[in-house]
N, C-alpha and C. Protein backbone atom coordinates (compact mmCIF):
# COMPACT_ATOMS: atom_id res chain seq x y z
N MET A 1 93.31 110.53 73.58
CA MET A 1 92.97 111.32 74.74
C MET A 1 91.63 110.89 75.32
N GLN A 2 90.80 110.34 74.50
CA GLN A 2 89.49 109.90 74.98
C GLN A 2 89.63 108.80 76.03
N SER A 3 90.58 107.91 75.84
CA SER A 3 90.73 106.81 76.80
C SER A 3 91.20 107.32 78.16
N PHE A 4 92.03 108.36 78.18
CA PHE A 4 92.47 108.94 79.45
C PHE A 4 91.29 109.56 80.19
N SER A 5 90.48 110.31 79.48
CA SER A 5 89.30 110.93 80.09
C SER A 5 88.36 109.87 80.64
N THR A 6 88.16 108.82 79.89
CA THR A 6 87.30 107.73 80.34
C THR A 6 87.88 107.07 81.59
N PHE A 7 89.19 106.87 81.59
CA PHE A 7 89.85 106.28 82.76
C PHE A 7 89.62 107.14 84.00
N VAL A 8 89.80 108.45 83.87
CA VAL A 8 89.63 109.35 85.01
C VAL A 8 88.20 109.31 85.51
N VAL A 9 87.24 109.37 84.61
CA VAL A 9 85.83 109.36 85.00
C VAL A 9 85.48 108.03 85.68
N ASN A 10 85.96 106.93 85.13
CA ASN A 10 85.63 105.62 85.69
C ASN A 10 86.32 105.33 87.02
N ASN A 11 87.41 106.02 87.29
CA ASN A 11 88.20 105.74 88.50
C ASN A 11 88.35 106.95 89.40
N VAL A 12 87.41 107.86 89.36
CA VAL A 12 87.54 109.10 90.13
C VAL A 12 87.64 108.82 91.64
N ARG A 13 86.96 107.82 92.14
CA ARG A 13 87.05 107.52 93.58
C ARG A 13 88.44 107.05 93.97
N TRP A 14 89.02 106.13 93.19
CA TRP A 14 90.37 105.64 93.48
C TRP A 14 91.41 106.75 93.34
N LEU A 15 91.28 107.55 92.30
CA LEU A 15 92.23 108.64 92.08
C LEU A 15 92.13 109.69 93.18
N SER A 16 90.92 109.98 93.62
CA SER A 16 90.74 110.95 94.71
C SER A 16 91.34 110.42 96.01
N GLY A 17 91.12 109.15 96.29
CA GLY A 17 91.69 108.55 97.49
C GLY A 17 93.21 108.54 97.45
N ALA A 18 93.78 108.21 96.31
CA ALA A 18 95.24 108.20 96.17
C ALA A 18 95.82 109.60 96.35
N PHE A 19 95.15 110.59 95.78
CA PHE A 19 95.61 111.97 95.94
C PHE A 19 95.55 112.39 97.40
N LEU A 20 94.47 112.06 98.07
CA LEU A 20 94.31 112.42 99.48
C LEU A 20 95.37 111.74 100.35
N LEU A 21 95.63 110.46 100.11
CA LEU A 21 96.66 109.75 100.88
C LEU A 21 98.05 110.34 100.63
N THR A 22 98.33 110.70 99.39
CA THR A 22 99.61 111.33 99.07
C THR A 22 99.75 112.66 99.79
N LEU A 23 98.68 113.43 99.80
CA LEU A 23 98.71 114.74 100.45
C LEU A 23 98.95 114.62 101.95
N VAL A 24 98.21 113.76 102.62
CA VAL A 24 98.35 113.68 104.07
C VAL A 24 99.64 112.99 104.49
N SER A 25 100.21 112.14 103.65
CA SER A 25 101.48 111.51 104.02
C SER A 25 102.66 112.46 103.86
N SER A 26 102.48 113.54 103.14
CA SER A 26 103.57 114.49 102.92
C SER A 26 103.88 115.32 104.15
N PHE A 27 102.92 115.54 105.02
CA PHE A 27 103.14 116.44 106.16
C PHE A 27 104.22 115.93 107.09
N GLY A 28 104.22 114.66 107.42
CA GLY A 28 105.18 114.13 108.37
C GLY A 28 106.61 114.18 107.88
N GLN A 29 106.83 113.82 106.65
CA GLN A 29 108.20 113.74 106.16
C GLN A 29 108.57 114.96 105.35
N THR A 30 107.94 115.16 104.24
CA THR A 30 108.38 116.18 103.30
C THR A 30 108.25 117.59 103.84
N PHE A 31 107.08 117.98 104.29
CA PHE A 31 106.88 119.37 104.72
C PHE A 31 107.64 119.67 106.00
N PHE A 32 107.63 118.74 106.95
CA PHE A 32 108.33 118.96 108.21
C PHE A 32 109.83 119.11 107.99
N ILE A 33 110.40 118.22 107.22
CA ILE A 33 111.84 118.28 106.96
C ILE A 33 112.18 119.54 106.17
N ALA A 34 111.34 119.91 105.22
CA ALA A 34 111.60 121.11 104.43
C ALA A 34 111.62 122.35 105.32
N LEU A 35 110.74 122.42 106.30
CA LEU A 35 110.70 123.57 107.19
C LEU A 35 111.80 123.54 108.24
N SER A 36 112.29 122.35 108.56
CA SER A 36 113.25 122.20 109.65
C SER A 36 114.68 121.99 109.21
N ASN A 37 114.94 121.86 107.91
CA ASN A 37 116.28 121.44 107.50
C ASN A 37 117.35 122.46 107.84
N GLY A 38 117.03 123.74 107.86
CA GLY A 38 118.03 124.74 108.23
C GLY A 38 118.53 124.54 109.64
N GLY A 39 117.62 124.34 110.56
CA GLY A 39 117.99 124.11 111.96
C GLY A 39 118.74 122.80 112.15
N ILE A 40 118.30 121.77 111.45
CA ILE A 40 118.97 120.47 111.55
C ILE A 40 120.39 120.57 111.01
N ARG A 41 120.54 121.21 109.84
CA ARG A 41 121.88 121.36 109.26
C ARG A 41 122.79 122.17 110.17
N GLU A 42 122.25 123.23 110.75
CA GLU A 42 123.06 124.08 111.64
C GLU A 42 123.47 123.33 112.90
N THR A 43 122.54 122.60 113.49
CA THR A 43 122.83 121.86 114.72
C THR A 43 123.94 120.83 114.52
N PHE A 44 123.90 120.13 113.40
CA PHE A 44 124.87 119.05 113.16
C PHE A 44 126.02 119.47 112.24
N GLY A 45 126.05 120.74 111.83
CA GLY A 45 127.14 121.23 111.00
C GLY A 45 127.20 120.58 109.63
N LEU A 46 126.05 120.38 109.00
CA LEU A 46 125.99 119.72 107.71
C LEU A 46 125.87 120.73 106.58
N SER A 47 126.48 120.43 105.45
CA SER A 47 126.28 121.24 104.26
C SER A 47 124.96 120.82 103.60
N HIS A 48 124.55 121.57 102.59
CA HIS A 48 123.33 121.20 101.86
C HIS A 48 123.49 119.81 101.24
N GLY A 49 124.65 119.55 100.66
CA GLY A 49 124.89 118.26 100.02
C GLY A 49 124.91 117.10 101.00
N GLU A 50 125.54 117.31 102.16
CA GLU A 50 125.57 116.26 103.18
C GLU A 50 124.17 115.95 103.70
N PHE A 51 123.40 117.01 103.94
CA PHE A 51 122.04 116.81 104.41
C PHE A 51 121.21 116.08 103.36
N GLY A 52 121.35 116.49 102.10
CA GLY A 52 120.62 115.82 101.02
C GLY A 52 121.01 114.36 100.88
N GLY A 53 122.30 114.08 101.04
CA GLY A 53 122.76 112.70 100.95
C GLY A 53 122.21 111.83 102.08
N LEU A 54 122.20 112.37 103.29
CA LEU A 54 121.64 111.63 104.42
C LEU A 54 120.13 111.42 104.26
N TYR A 55 119.45 112.44 103.76
CA TYR A 55 118.00 112.33 103.54
C TYR A 55 117.72 111.28 102.47
N MET A 56 118.53 111.27 101.42
CA MET A 56 118.37 110.27 100.36
C MET A 56 118.62 108.86 100.92
N LEU A 57 119.67 108.71 101.71
CA LEU A 57 119.99 107.41 102.30
C LEU A 57 118.85 106.91 103.20
N ALA A 58 118.32 107.80 104.01
CA ALA A 58 117.21 107.42 104.90
C ALA A 58 115.98 107.02 104.09
N THR A 59 115.70 107.73 103.01
CA THR A 59 114.56 107.40 102.16
C THR A 59 114.75 106.05 101.49
N LEU A 60 115.94 105.79 100.97
CA LEU A 60 116.21 104.51 100.31
C LEU A 60 116.16 103.34 101.30
N LEU A 61 116.71 103.54 102.50
CA LEU A 61 116.65 102.49 103.51
C LEU A 61 115.21 102.20 103.93
N SER A 62 114.42 103.25 104.04
CA SER A 62 113.01 103.08 104.37
C SER A 62 112.30 102.30 103.27
N ALA A 63 112.55 102.66 102.02
CA ALA A 63 111.92 101.97 100.90
C ALA A 63 112.34 100.51 100.83
N ALA A 64 113.59 100.22 101.21
CA ALA A 64 114.09 98.84 101.15
C ALA A 64 113.54 97.98 102.29
N THR A 65 113.29 98.57 103.44
CA THR A 65 112.86 97.77 104.60
C THR A 65 111.35 97.66 104.76
N LEU A 66 110.60 98.62 104.27
CA LEU A 66 109.15 98.60 104.48
C LEU A 66 108.46 97.36 103.92
N PRO A 67 108.82 96.87 102.73
CA PRO A 67 108.14 95.66 102.25
C PRO A 67 108.34 94.45 103.17
N PHE A 68 109.49 94.37 103.82
CA PHE A 68 109.77 93.24 104.70
C PHE A 68 109.15 93.42 106.08
N LEU A 69 108.97 94.65 106.50
CA LEU A 69 108.41 94.91 107.82
C LEU A 69 106.88 94.96 107.81
N GLY A 70 106.29 95.14 106.66
CA GLY A 70 104.84 95.29 106.57
C GLY A 70 104.07 94.10 107.08
N ARG A 71 104.45 92.91 106.63
CA ARG A 71 103.72 91.71 107.04
C ARG A 71 103.81 91.45 108.55
N PRO A 72 105.02 91.47 109.15
CA PRO A 72 105.07 91.26 110.61
C PRO A 72 104.32 92.34 111.39
N LEU A 73 104.41 93.57 110.93
CA LEU A 73 103.70 94.64 111.64
C LEU A 73 102.19 94.44 111.55
N ASP A 74 101.70 94.02 110.40
CA ASP A 74 100.27 93.75 110.26
C ASP A 74 99.85 92.56 111.11
N ARG A 75 100.69 91.57 111.19
CA ARG A 75 100.35 90.34 111.91
C ARG A 75 100.31 90.56 113.42
N TYR A 76 101.26 91.33 113.95
CA TYR A 76 101.39 91.46 115.40
C TYR A 76 100.87 92.78 115.96
N SER A 77 100.28 93.60 115.12
CA SER A 77 99.74 94.86 115.65
C SER A 77 98.41 94.59 116.34
N THR A 78 98.05 95.50 117.23
CA THR A 78 96.81 95.31 117.98
C THR A 78 95.65 95.98 117.31
């Protein structure tokens, strides 16, 4: 347990930054979708399972494409 405590103390800046980035990135996707999923499901006539499956598919597609899109976006962004 001593090594974990030492790790946290030695890396508190990195850990704080990672926590902050995780927190602020949640608002756009996780919190917004969680608050809006009832209306989205009702509008499109989706069950809980169908909505969850589509959300999972969108998340997996995003995870699969982001590594390939990162370099071109960084290169050609202003």
